[in-house]
């Protein structure tokens, strides 16, 4: 093969590409031991993971992209919405990504996946609550297919393929587990499923086409899939402008740098103060409300106990009689 980035595409490049293909995603830290082992075998000298540089990694990613471009494949990257880690994933640049699942999942399982996506981006994505995630309980409950003949999105267009036959709860749990293992879904510590960085890259076009409405007057269009104003990537975890009518959204990891460049923590679109913003995007819409409710209940319970103790103080001996004597 022709030289790639100044070096011949050789067995080390092929070994790296094979290692990448065996994984759903890859980070630089995960790539270090892989490249170290490849370099050790190729150069016949011991290379440690700490010796691998980002330049080495970038060079092999670029060479791999050149090698797979003719197959309509591409390695893309994005920052994780919460950890800041840059995630690299192998993306099919032409085919409908949903149909790609057919190689691993049955038609009924794919219909189930679409029902989960509908729950994320329709049911749990309203003007007031942009959750874009489903709880474990809700996800399993969606194993049962809807009884109506057509499943429609909120703006009236049918979500093709979301009917299918029902799955058992065990089948649904297995499908969800596999989707997490294969890097399509993420499961949070609080038990919410959401799309992974790989899925957001792979499904970007499909999500826009399925859940956004591009026709009609701008102020009447239905927009379910939004992008971070700073990095322009899809946002499913982050913050929304305190002004609920404003379209500005920002990833948590983007806010600090964005406002530092602006030199003020105000919305770039409507100029609303963004300081101590508690208007979230993602599962925190639910978990933060639940936490506040528990806090209020805890304070209320303590207050009620204190009031009760004060009210009953001395009632056991209203006449002030010395009961010990």
Protein backbone atom coordinates (compact mmCIF):
# COMPACT_ATOMS: atom_id res chain seq x y z
CA UNK A 1 0.00 0.00 0.00
CA UNK A 2 1.08 3.58 -0.56
CA UNK A 3 2.92 5.39 2.20
CA UNK A 4 0.70 6.87 4.88
CA UNK A 5 1.87 9.92 6.83
CA UNK A 6 5.43 9.46 5.74
CA UNK A 7 5.71 5.78 6.63
CA UNK A 8 4.86 2.55 4.80
CA UNK A 9 1.53 0.97 5.74
CA UNK A 10 2.79 -2.31 7.15
CA UNK A 11 1.96 -5.16 9.50
CA UNK A 12 1.99 -2.84 12.52
CA UNK A 13 -0.75 -0.70 10.93
CA UNK A 14 -2.78 -3.79 10.12
CA UNK A 15 -2.39 -5.09 13.67
CA UNK A 16 -3.59 -1.76 15.07
CA UNK A 17 -6.59 -1.69 12.75
CA UNK A 18 -7.51 -5.26 13.72
CA UNK A 19 -7.28 -4.33 17.38
CA UNK A 20 -9.51 -1.32 16.77
CA UNK A 21 -12.06 -3.41 14.85
CA UNK A 22 -12.24 -5.81 17.79
CA UNK A 23 -13.41 -2.96 20.04
CA UNK A 24 -16.39 -0.65 19.77
CA UNK A 25 -14.41 2.40 20.88
CA UNK A 26 -10.90 3.37 21.88
CA UNK A 27 -9.28 6.11 23.94
CA UNK A 28 -5.64 7.19 23.88
CA UNK A 29 -5.03 5.56 27.28
CA UNK A 30 -6.56 2.30 26.02
CA UNK A 31 -4.47 2.49 22.87
CA UNK A 32 -1.16 2.84 24.71
CA UNK A 33 -0.69 -0.83 25.70
CA UNK A 34 -1.96 -1.95 22.28
CA UNK A 35 0.56 0.18 20.41
CA UNK A 36 3.30 -0.72 22.89
CA UNK A 37 2.74 -4.43 22.19
CA UNK A 38 2.64 -3.81 18.43
CA UNK A 39 5.84 -1.73 18.51
CA UNK A 40 7.59 -4.34 20.67
CA UNK A 41 6.76 -7.10 18.20
CA UNK A 42 7.43 -5.01 15.10
CA UNK A 43 10.66 -3.34 16.21
CA UNK A 44 11.92 -6.31 18.25
CA UNK A 45 12.65 -4.14 21.23
CA UNK A 46 10.77 -3.57 24.45
CA UNK A 47 8.37 -0.63 24.26
CA UNK A 48 6.33 0.37 27.30
CA UNK A 49 2.87 1.99 27.25
CA UNK A 50 4.36 5.12 28.82
CA UNK A 51 6.61 5.48 25.76
CA UNK A 52 3.62 5.88 23.42
CA UNK A 53 2.88 9.48 22.46
CA UNK A 54 -0.30 11.10 21.16
CA UNK A 55 1.59 11.72 17.92
CA UNK A 56 2.07 7.93 17.56
CA UNK A 57 -1.62 7.35 18.17
CA UNK A 58 -2.73 10.09 15.77
CA UNK A 59 -0.41 8.73 13.07
CA UNK A 60 -1.91 5.23 13.31
CA UNK A 61 -5.48 6.58 13.39
CA UNK A 62 -4.79 8.59 10.23
CA UNK A 63 -3.24 5.60 8.47
CA UNK A 64 -6.19 3.42 9.47
CA UNK A 65 -8.64 5.99 8.11
CA UNK A 66 -6.84 6.03 4.78
CA UNK A 67 -6.99 2.25 4.63
CA UNK A 68 -10.73 1.94 5.37
CA UNK A 69 -12.08 4.99 3.53
CA UNK A 70 -12.85 2.99 0.39
CA UNK A 71 -15.16 0.79 2.47
CA UNK A 72 -17.22 3.83 3.61
CA UNK A 73 -15.80 3.48 7.10
CA UNK A 74 -14.21 6.21 9.17
CA UNK A 75 -12.69 6.58 12.62
CA UNK A 76 -14.17 9.68 14.24
CA UNK A 77 -13.69 11.16 17.67
CA UNK A 78 -15.61 13.23 20.17
CA UNK A 79 -15.21 14.27 23.78
CA UNK A 80 -17.25 12.36 26.33
CA UNK A 81 -19.95 14.70 27.63
CA UNK A 82 -18.99 14.26 31.28
CA UNK A 83 -15.47 12.78 31.56
CA UNK A 84 -13.80 14.97 28.89
CA UNK A 85 -12.05 11.88 27.51
CA UNK A 86 -11.71 11.86 23.74
CA UNK A 87 -13.45 8.79 22.38
CA UNK A 88 -12.55 7.28 19.00
CA UNK A 89 -15.10 5.08 17.23
CA UNK A 90 -15.39 3.27 13.92
CA UNK A 91 -18.32 4.82 12.03
CA UNK A 92 -20.11 3.67 8.89
CA UNK A 93 -20.28 6.89 6.89
CA UNK A 94 -23.03 5.89 4.42
CA UNK A 95 -25.41 3.17 5.64
CA UNK A 96 -28.39 3.74 7.92
CA UNK A 97 -26.77 2.95 11.30
CA UNK A 98 -29.96 1.42 12.66
CA UNK A 99 -29.92 -1.24 9.93
CA UNK A 100 -26.36 -2.11 10.91
CA UNK A 101 -27.73 -3.55 14.14
CA UNK A 102 -29.44 -6.22 12.05
CA UNK A 103 -26.14 -8.08 11.87
CA UNK A 104 -26.25 -8.68 15.63
CA UNK A 105 -29.90 -8.29 16.63
CA UNK A 106 -33.22 -9.75 15.53
CA UNK A 107 -35.95 -7.63 13.94
CA UNK A 108 -37.93 -7.63 17.19
CA UNK A 109 -34.86 -6.58 19.17
CA UNK A 110 -34.23 -3.70 16.76
CA UNK A 111 -37.88 -2.66 17.14
CA UNK A 112 -37.34 -2.71 20.89
CA UNK A 113 -34.23 -0.52 20.54
CA UNK A 114 -36.29 1.99 18.56
CA UNK A 115 -38.93 2.04 21.29
CA UNK A 116 -36.20 2.85 23.81
CA UNK A 117 -34.91 5.63 21.54
CA UNK A 118 -38.45 6.99 21.18
CA UNK A 119 -38.71 7.05 24.97
CA UNK A 120 -35.40 8.90 25.23
CA UNK A 121 -36.02 11.52 22.58
CA UNK A 122 -39.81 11.83 22.55
CA UNK A 123 -41.43 10.78 25.82
CA UNK A 124 -38.57 11.94 28.06
CA UNK A 125 -37.64 14.98 26.02
CA UNK A 126 -40.20 17.74 26.45
CA UNK A 127 -39.98 21.51 26.54
CA UNK A 128 -39.79 21.49 30.34
CA UNK A 129 -37.77 18.31 30.89
CA UNK A 130 -35.01 17.39 28.45
CA UNK A 131 -34.05 14.11 30.11
CA UNK A 132 -33.05 12.11 27.01
CA UNK A 133 -32.50 8.98 29.08
CA UNK A 134 -34.63 6.14 30.41
CA UNK A 135 -34.53 4.46 33.79
CA UNK A 136 -33.74 0.76 33.97
CA UNK A 137 -37.33 0.07 35.01
CA UNK A 138 -38.77 2.06 32.13
CA UNK A 139 -36.41 0.43 29.63
CA UNK A 140 -37.47 -3.07 30.66
CA UNK A 141 -41.15 -2.08 30.61
CA UNK A 142 -40.74 -1.07 26.95
CA UNK A 143 -40.18 -4.75 26.14
CA UNK A 144 -43.91 -4.89 25.52
CA UNK A 145 -44.72 -3.63 22.03
CA UNK A 146 -47.47 -1.00 21.71
CA UNK A 147 -50.91 -2.33 20.86
CA UNK A 148 -51.75 0.48 18.43
CA UNK A 149 -50.99 -0.14 14.77
CA UNK A 150 -48.65 2.82 14.34
CA UNK A 151 -46.13 4.42 16.64
CA UNK A 152 -45.77 8.15 15.96
CA UNK A 153 -43.38 10.81 17.09
CA UNK A 154 -44.74 13.95 18.73
CA UNK A 155 -44.61 15.86 15.45
CA UNK A 156 -46.80 13.27 13.77
CA UNK A 157 -44.39 11.20 11.70
CA UNK A 158 -44.37 7.46 12.23
CA UNK A 159 -41.26 5.98 13.79
CA UNK A 160 -40.69 3.11 11.40
CA UNK A 161 -39.96 -0.29 12.86
CA UNK A 162 -40.74 0.52 16.49
CA UNK A 163 -43.71 -1.88 16.68
CA UNK A 164 -42.53 -5.44 16.14
CA UNK A 165 -43.33 -8.22 18.58
CA UNK A 166 -42.90 -7.90 22.31
CA UNK A 167 -39.81 -9.21 24.03
CA UNK A 168 -39.77 -10.94 27.38
CA UNK A 169 -38.27 -8.99 30.27
CA UNK A 170 -35.29 -11.34 30.25
CA UNK A 171 -34.76 -10.73 26.52
CA UNK A 172 -35.01 -6.96 27.03
CA UNK A 173 -32.47 -7.03 29.87
CA UNK A 174 -30.10 -9.11 27.73
CA UNK A 175 -30.47 -6.71 24.79
CA UNK A 176 -29.77 -3.71 27.03
CA UNK A 177 -26.70 -5.43 28.49
CA UNK A 178 -25.35 -6.17 25.01
CA UNK A 179 -25.97 -2.58 23.87
CA UNK A 180 -23.87 -1.36 26.79
CA UNK A 181 -21.10 -3.92 26.15
CA UNK A 182 -20.98 -3.02 22.45
CA UNK A 183 -20.76 0.69 23.21
CA UNK A 184 -24.18 1.84 21.98
CA UNK A 185 -25.71 2.65 25.38
CA UNK A 186 -24.29 3.83 28.68
CA UNK A 187 -25.73 2.88 32.07
CA UNK A 188 -25.22 5.48 34.80
CA UNK A 189 -24.60 4.74 38.46
CA UNK A 190 -28.17 5.86 39.16
CA UNK A 191 -29.59 3.36 36.70
CA UNK A 192 -30.36 5.46 33.61
CA UNK A 193 -29.65 4.38 30.05
CA UNK A 194 -28.50 7.00 27.55
CA UNK A 195 -26.70 7.04 24.21
CA UNK A 196 -22.93 6.60 24.30
CA UNK A 197 -20.45 8.86 22.46
CA UNK A 198 -20.13 6.17 19.79
CA UNK A 199 -23.91 6.09 19.28
CA UNK A 200 -24.16 9.88 19.15
CA UNK A 201 -21.51 9.95 16.41
CA UNK A 202 -22.98 7.01 14.50
CA UNK A 203 -26.64 8.03 14.84
CA UNK A 204 -26.21 11.79 14.47
CA UNK A 205 -27.87 12.08 11.06
CA UNK A 206 -30.58 9.54 11.88
CA UNK A 207 -31.47 11.32 15.14
CA UNK A 208 -31.83 14.66 13.37
CA UNK A 209 -33.90 13.16 10.56
CA UNK A 210 -36.14 11.21 12.91
CA UNK A 211 -36.82 13.63 15.77
CA UNK A 212 -36.32 17.11 14.31
CA UNK A 213 -38.66 18.92 11.95
CA UNK A 214 -36.85 21.09 9.41
CA UNK A 215 -39.82 22.36 7.46
CA UNK A 216 -42.21 25.19 8.29
CA UNK A 217 -41.70 28.44 10.15
CA UNK A 218 -38.58 28.52 12.32
CA UNK A 219 -40.46 29.28 15.55
CA UNK A 220 -42.90 26.42 14.86
CA UNK A 221 -40.36 23.71 14.06
CA UNK A 222 -40.04 20.84 16.51
CA UNK A 223 -36.44 20.43 17.62
CA UNK A 224 -35.70 17.45 19.84
CA UNK A 225 -32.02 16.99 19.00
CA UNK A 226 -29.97 20.03 19.99
CA UNK A 227 -26.28 20.86 19.88
CA UNK A 228 -24.00 22.46 22.41
CA UNK A 229 -23.55 26.13 21.46
CA UNK A 230 -19.82 25.93 22.24
CA UNK A 231 -18.62 22.69 20.61
CA UNK A 232 -21.54 22.11 18.19
CA UNK A 233 -21.81 18.42 19.16
CA UNK A 234 -25.15 16.84 20.14
CA UNK A 235 -25.99 17.48 23.77
CA UNK A 236 -27.79 14.93 25.92
CA UNK A 237 -26.02 15.84 29.17
CA UNK A 238 -25.36 19.40 30.31
CA UNK A 239 -27.20 22.64 30.95
CA UNK A 240 -29.88 24.70 29.25
CA UNK A 241 -30.36 28.45 29.47
CA UNK A 242 -32.27 29.55 32.62
CA UNK A 243 -34.63 31.25 30.17
CA UNK A 244 -36.74 28.23 29.17
CA UNK A 245 -37.70 29.86 25.86
CA UNK A 246 -34.05 30.20 24.80
CA UNK A 247 -32.43 27.60 22.54
CA UNK A 248 -28.94 27.81 24.09
CA UNK A 249 -27.52 24.55 25.50
CA UNK A 250 -24.02 23.89 26.82
CA UNK A 251 -22.14 20.80 27.93
CA UNK A 252 -20.91 21.04 31.52
CA UNK A 253 -17.38 20.53 30.22
CA UNK A 254 -17.80 23.46 27.81
CA UNK A 255 -19.28 26.08 30.16
CA UNK A 256 -16.12 27.13 32.03
CA UNK A 257 -14.01 27.76 28.93
CA UNK A 258 -16.93 29.27 27.02
CA UNK A 259 -17.77 31.82 29.71
CA UNK A 260 -14.09 32.56 30.33
CA UNK A 261 -13.72 33.53 26.68
CA UNK A 262 -16.92 35.57 26.93
CA UNK A 263 -15.64 37.11 30.19
CA UNK A 264 -19.11 36.82 31.70
CA UNK A 265 -21.48 34.01 32.67
CA UNK A 266 -24.44 35.17 30.62
CA UNK A 267 -26.31 33.42 27.84
CA UNK A 268 -24.80 34.29 24.48
CA UNK A 269 -28.25 34.35 22.87
CA UNK A 270 -30.63 36.05 25.31
CA UNK A 271 -28.14 37.54 27.83
CA UNK A 272 -29.79 35.82 30.80
CA UNK A 273 -27.52 35.36 33.83
CA UNK A 274 -26.16 31.79 33.83
CA UNK A 275 -24.58 31.90 37.32
CA UNK A 276 -25.46 28.89 39.52
CA UNK A 277 -27.69 27.55 36.78
CA UNK A 278 -29.77 24.55 37.86
CA UNK A 279 -31.58 23.99 34.56
CA UNK A 280 -30.14 20.68 33.45
CA UNK A 281 -30.17 18.50 30.37
CA UNK A 282 -30.00 14.75 30.96
CA UNK A 283 -30.87 12.50 33.87
CA UNK A 284 -30.08 15.24 36.40
CA UNK A 285 -33.43 16.77 35.46
CA UNK A 286 -34.90 13.86 37.44
CA UNK A 287 -32.18 13.01 39.94
CA UNK A 288 -31.68 16.62 41.08
CA UNK A 289 -35.42 17.02 41.73
CA UNK A 290 -35.45 13.73 43.65
CA UNK A 291 -32.45 14.84 45.71
CA UNK A 292 -34.07 18.17 46.52
CA UNK A 293 -37.25 16.37 47.52
CA UNK A 294 -35.36 14.08 49.89
CA UNK A 295 -33.52 17.04 51.35
CA UNK A 296 -36.76 18.93 51.94
CA UNK A 297 -38.38 15.85 53.44
CA UNK A 298 -35.40 15.31 55.70
CA UNK A 299 -35.42 18.91 56.92
CA UNK A 300 -39.20 18.77 57.31
CA UNK A 301 -39.03 15.59 59.34
CA UNK A 302 -36.40 17.04 61.66
CA UNK A 303 -38.43 20.21 62.06
CA UNK A 304 -41.60 18.26 62.80
CA UNK A 305 -39.81 16.16 65.40
CA UNK A 306 -38.42 19.28 67.06
CA UNK A 307 -41.85 20.92 67.13
CA UNK A 308 -43.41 17.76 68.55
CA UNK A 309 -40.80 17.53 71.29
CA UNK A 310 -41.28 21.19 72.17
CA UNK A 311 -45.05 20.82 72.21
CA UNK A 312 -44.97 17.78 74.49
CA UNK A 313 -42.25 19.05 76.78
CA UNK A 314 -43.59 18.90 80.36
CA UNK A 315 -46.86 17.23 79.34
CA UNK A 316 -45.96 14.03 81.17
CA UNK A 317 -45.94 16.00 84.42
CA UNK A 318 -48.26 18.98 83.86
CA UNK A 319 -48.61 19.79 87.57
CA UNK A 320 -44.88 19.95 88.16
CA UNK A 321 -44.98 17.13 90.71
CA UNK A 322 -41.65 15.53 91.56
CA UNK A 323 -42.29 12.04 90.27
CA UNK A 324 -39.06 10.61 91.66
CA UNK A 325 -40.09 11.17 95.26
